[in-house]
Amino acid sequence: MTAIALDIQGRICTGCNNCVVACPVNALELTVINPVTRKKTYNVLNGKAVVVDEDVCNGCGICLMVCPQRAITLTTE
């Protein structure tokens, strides 16, 4: 099985929510986060972050295509 890693660069992401809306498997969530309790977080505006559930993400790449800031990268191993 191929491992998928989705990375959202917090310094570039504006929290527009396009990736969350476009994700066909609901693997992304823009939410207020507690960095202490999250395994992996990406800080954006007003304390919110796009959080990726990598157990759900299927690596389709739709989030990359809809990101106007090109803040998302997808890697496979």
N, C-alpha and C. Protein backbone atom coordinates (compact mmCIF):
# COMPACT_ATOMS: atom_id res chain seq x y z
N MET A 1 0.84 -1.18 0.00
CA MET A 1 0.00 0.00 0.00
C MET A 1 0.89 1.25 0.00
N THR A 2 0.53 2.23 -0.82
CA THR A 2 1.30 3.46 -0.93
C THR A 2 0.90 4.43 0.18
N ALA A 3 1.90 4.97 0.87
CA ALA A 3 1.63 5.96 1.91
C ALA A 3 1.44 7.32 1.26
N ILE A 4 0.46 8.05 1.76
CA ILE A 4 0.15 9.37 1.23
C ILE A 4 0.37 10.39 2.32
N ALA A 5 1.04 11.48 1.98
CA ALA A 5 1.25 12.57 2.93
C ALA A 5 0.79 13.87 2.28
N LEU A 6 -0.15 14.52 2.93
CA LEU A 6 -0.67 15.80 2.45
C LEU A 6 -0.12 16.89 3.35
N ASP A 7 0.50 17.89 2.75
CA ASP A 7 1.08 18.97 3.54
C ASP A 7 0.46 20.29 3.11
N ILE A 8 -0.02 21.05 4.08
CA ILE A 8 -0.57 22.37 3.82
C ILE A 8 0.34 23.38 4.50
N GLN A 9 0.94 24.24 3.70
CA GLN A 9 1.88 25.21 4.24
C GLN A 9 1.13 26.36 4.90
N GLY A 10 1.19 26.38 6.22
CA GLY A 10 0.45 27.37 7.00
C GLY A 10 0.83 28.80 6.70
N ARG A 11 2.05 29.03 6.31
CA ARG A 11 2.47 30.41 6.03
C ARG A 11 1.90 30.92 4.71
N ILE A 12 1.41 30.01 3.86
CA ILE A 12 0.84 30.38 2.57
C ILE A 12 -0.68 30.28 2.59
N CYS A 13 -1.22 29.29 3.27
CA CYS A 13 -2.67 29.03 3.32
C CYS A 13 -3.40 30.25 3.90
N THR A 14 -4.50 30.63 3.23
CA THR A 14 -5.31 31.76 3.71
C THR A 14 -6.58 31.29 4.40
N GLY A 15 -6.80 29.99 4.46
CA GLY A 15 -8.01 29.45 5.08
C GLY A 15 -9.25 29.71 4.25
N CYS A 16 -9.13 29.72 2.93
CA CYS A 16 -10.26 30.01 2.05
C CYS A 16 -11.33 28.92 2.07
N ASN A 17 -10.96 27.72 2.50
CA ASN A 17 -11.89 26.60 2.63
C ASN A 17 -12.17 25.86 1.33
N ASN A 18 -11.55 26.28 0.23
CA ASN A 18 -11.79 25.60 -1.06
C ASN A 18 -11.44 24.12 -0.99
N CYS A 19 -10.34 23.78 -0.37
CA CYS A 19 -9.91 22.38 -0.31
C CYS A 19 -10.88 21.55 0.52
N VAL A 20 -11.39 22.12 1.58
CA VAL A 20 -12.33 21.40 2.45
C VAL A 20 -13.61 21.09 1.68
N VAL A 21 -14.12 22.07 0.96
CA VAL A 21 -15.36 21.89 0.20
C VAL A 21 -15.16 20.90 -0.95
N ALA A 22 -14.01 20.93 -1.59
CA ALA A 22 -13.77 20.09 -2.76
C ALA A 22 -13.45 18.63 -2.42
N CYS A 23 -13.00 18.35 -1.23
CA CYS A 23 -12.57 17.00 -0.87
C CYS A 23 -13.75 16.02 -0.95
N PRO A 24 -13.65 14.99 -1.81
CA PRO A 24 -14.77 14.06 -1.98
C PRO A 24 -14.93 13.06 -0.84
N VAL A 25 -13.93 12.96 0.03
CA VAL A 25 -14.02 11.97 1.12
C VAL A 25 -14.01 12.63 2.50
N ASN A 26 -14.14 13.95 2.52
CA ASN A 26 -14.18 14.70 3.79
C ASN A 26 -12.95 14.45 4.67
N ALA A 27 -11.79 14.47 4.03
CA ALA A 27 -10.55 14.26 4.78
C ALA A 27 -9.99 15.55 5.35
N LEU A 28 -10.52 16.69 4.91
CA LEU A 28 -10.01 17.98 5.35
C LEU A 28 -11.05 18.71 6.17
N GLU A 29 -10.56 19.46 7.15
CA GLU A 29 -11.46 20.23 8.00
C GLU A 29 -10.77 21.53 8.37
N LEU A 30 -11.49 22.65 8.19
CA LEU A 30 -10.99 23.95 8.64
C LEU A 30 -11.64 24.20 9.98
N THR A 31 -10.85 24.22 11.02
CA THR A 31 -11.42 24.27 12.35
C THR A 31 -10.50 25.01 13.31
N VAL A 32 -11.08 25.45 14.39
CA VAL A 32 -10.27 26.01 15.48
C VAL A 32 -9.54 24.83 16.09
N ILE A 33 -8.26 25.00 16.29
CA ILE A 33 -7.46 23.87 16.74
C ILE A 33 -6.78 24.15 18.06
N ASN A 34 -6.50 23.09 18.74
CA ASN A 34 -5.63 23.14 19.91
C ASN A 34 -4.36 22.41 19.52
N PRO A 35 -3.29 23.15 19.27
CA PRO A 35 -2.06 22.52 18.77
C PRO A 35 -1.51 21.44 19.69
N VAL A 36 -1.87 21.50 20.93
CA VAL A 36 -1.35 20.51 21.88
C VAL A 36 -2.00 19.15 21.68
N THR A 37 -3.26 19.15 21.28
CA THR A 37 -3.97 17.87 21.17
C THR A 37 -3.98 17.30 19.76
N ARG A 38 -3.54 18.05 18.77
CA ARG A 38 -3.54 17.58 17.39
C ARG A 38 -2.18 17.00 17.05
N LYS A 39 -2.20 15.85 16.35
CA LYS A 39 -0.97 15.22 15.92
C LYS A 39 -0.28 16.08 14.86
N LYS A 40 -1.06 16.67 13.98
CA LYS A 40 -0.49 17.43 12.89
C LYS A 40 -1.41 18.60 12.60
N THR A 41 -0.93 19.81 12.65
CA THR A 41 -1.78 20.97 12.42
C THR A 41 -1.07 21.97 11.52
N TYR A 42 -1.88 22.85 10.95
CA TYR A 42 -1.36 23.86 10.05
C TYR A 42 -2.01 25.17 10.43
N ASN A 43 -1.29 26.08 10.99
CA ASN A 43 -1.87 27.34 11.46
C ASN A 43 -2.20 28.26 10.30
N VAL A 44 -3.40 28.83 10.35
CA VAL A 44 -3.81 29.85 9.40
C VAL A 44 -4.37 31.01 10.19
N LEU A 45 -5.32 31.74 9.65
CA LEU A 45 -5.81 32.95 10.29
C LEU A 45 -6.73 32.68 11.47
N ASN A 46 -6.71 33.55 12.42
CA ASN A 46 -7.63 33.54 13.55
C ASN A 46 -7.65 32.23 14.33
N GLY A 47 -6.53 31.59 14.45
CA GLY A 47 -6.44 30.37 15.22
C GLY A 47 -7.02 29.14 14.56
N LYS A 48 -7.47 29.28 13.31
CA LYS A 48 -8.01 28.12 12.60
C LYS A 48 -6.92 27.48 11.76
N ALA A 49 -7.12 26.22 11.50
CA ALA A 49 -6.17 25.48 10.68
C ALA A 49 -6.91 24.46 9.85
N VAL A 50 -6.31 24.11 8.73
CA VAL A 50 -6.82 23.00 7.94
C VAL A 50 -6.17 21.74 8.50
N VAL A 51 -6.99 20.84 8.94
CA VAL A 51 -6.51 19.60 9.53
C VAL A 51 -6.81 18.46 8.55
N VAL A 52 -5.84 17.62 8.34
CA VAL A 52 -5.97 16.52 7.39
C VAL A 52 -6.09 15.20 8.17
N ASP A 53 -7.11 14.45 7.84
CA ASP A 53 -7.23 13.10 8.39
C ASP A 53 -6.59 12.17 7.36
N GLU A 54 -5.35 11.82 7.58
CA GLU A 54 -4.61 11.03 6.59
C GLU A 54 -5.10 9.58 6.51
N ASP A 55 -5.89 9.15 7.48
CA ASP A 55 -6.48 7.82 7.39
C ASP A 55 -7.63 7.80 6.38
N VAL A 56 -8.22 8.98 6.13
CA VAL A 56 -9.36 9.09 5.21
C VAL A 56 -8.90 9.55 3.82
N CYS A 57 -7.88 10.41 3.75
CA CYS A 57 -7.40 10.95 2.47
C CYS A 57 -7.02 9.81 1.53
N ASN A 58 -7.53 9.89 0.29
CA ASN A 58 -7.20 8.86 -0.71
C ASN A 58 -6.18 9.34 -1.73
N GLY A 59 -5.69 10.57 -1.56
CA GLY A 59 -4.64 11.09 -2.43
C GLY A 59 -5.10 11.47 -3.82
N CYS A 60 -6.37 11.81 -3.98
CA CYS A 60 -6.90 12.13 -5.32
C CYS A 60 -6.31 13.43 -5.88
N GLY A 61 -5.89 14.35 -5.01
CA GLY A 61 -5.27 15.58 -5.46
C GLY A 61 -6.21 16.71 -5.83
N ILE A 62 -7.50 16.53 -5.63
CA ILE A 62 -8.45 17.59 -5.96
C ILE A 62 -8.16 18.85 -5.13
N CYS A 63 -7.77 18.69 -3.91
CA CYS A 63 -7.47 19.84 -3.04
C CYS A 63 -6.33 20.69 -3.62
N LEU A 64 -5.37 20.04 -4.24
CA LEU A 64 -4.27 20.78 -4.86
C LEU A 64 -4.76 21.66 -5.99
N MET A 65 -5.69 21.12 -6.77
CA MET A 65 -6.18 21.83 -7.95
C MET A 65 -7.03 23.04 -7.59
N VAL A 66 -7.72 23.01 -6.45
CA VAL A 66 -8.62 24.12 -6.10
C VAL A 66 -7.96 25.15 -5.19
N CYS A 67 -6.75 24.90 -4.74
CA CYS A 67 -6.07 25.83 -3.84
C CYS A 67 -5.52 27.02 -4.63
N PRO A 68 -6.06 28.23 -4.43
CA PRO A 68 -5.58 29.38 -5.19
C PRO A 68 -4.19 29.83 -4.77
N GLN A 69 -3.74 29.44 -3.61
CA GLN A 69 -2.43 29.84 -3.10
C GLN A 69 -1.34 28.80 -3.38
N ARG A 70 -1.74 27.65 -3.90
CA ARG A 70 -0.81 26.53 -4.12
C ARG A 70 -0.07 26.19 -2.82
N ALA A 71 -0.84 26.11 -1.75
CA ALA A 71 -0.27 25.85 -0.43
C ALA A 71 -0.22 24.37 -0.08
N ILE A 72 -0.76 23.52 -0.97
CA ILE A 72 -0.88 22.10 -0.65
C ILE A 72 0.06 21.29 -1.53
N THR A 73 0.74 20.36 -0.90
CA THR A 73 1.55 19.41 -1.65
C THR A 73 1.15 18.00 -1.21
N LEU A 74 1.25 17.08 -2.15
CA LEU A 74 0.89 15.70 -1.91
C LEU A 74 2.07 14.83 -2.31
N THR A 75 2.49 13.99 -1.40
CA THR A 75 3.59 13.10 -1.71
C THR A 75 3.16 11.66 -1.45
N THR A 76 3.74 10.77 -2.19
CA THR A 76 3.50 9.34 -1.98
C THR A 76 4.83 8.65 -1.82
N GLU A 77 4.81 7.59 -1.08
CA GLU A 77 6.06 6.83 -0.87
C GLU A 77 5.87 5.41 -1.32
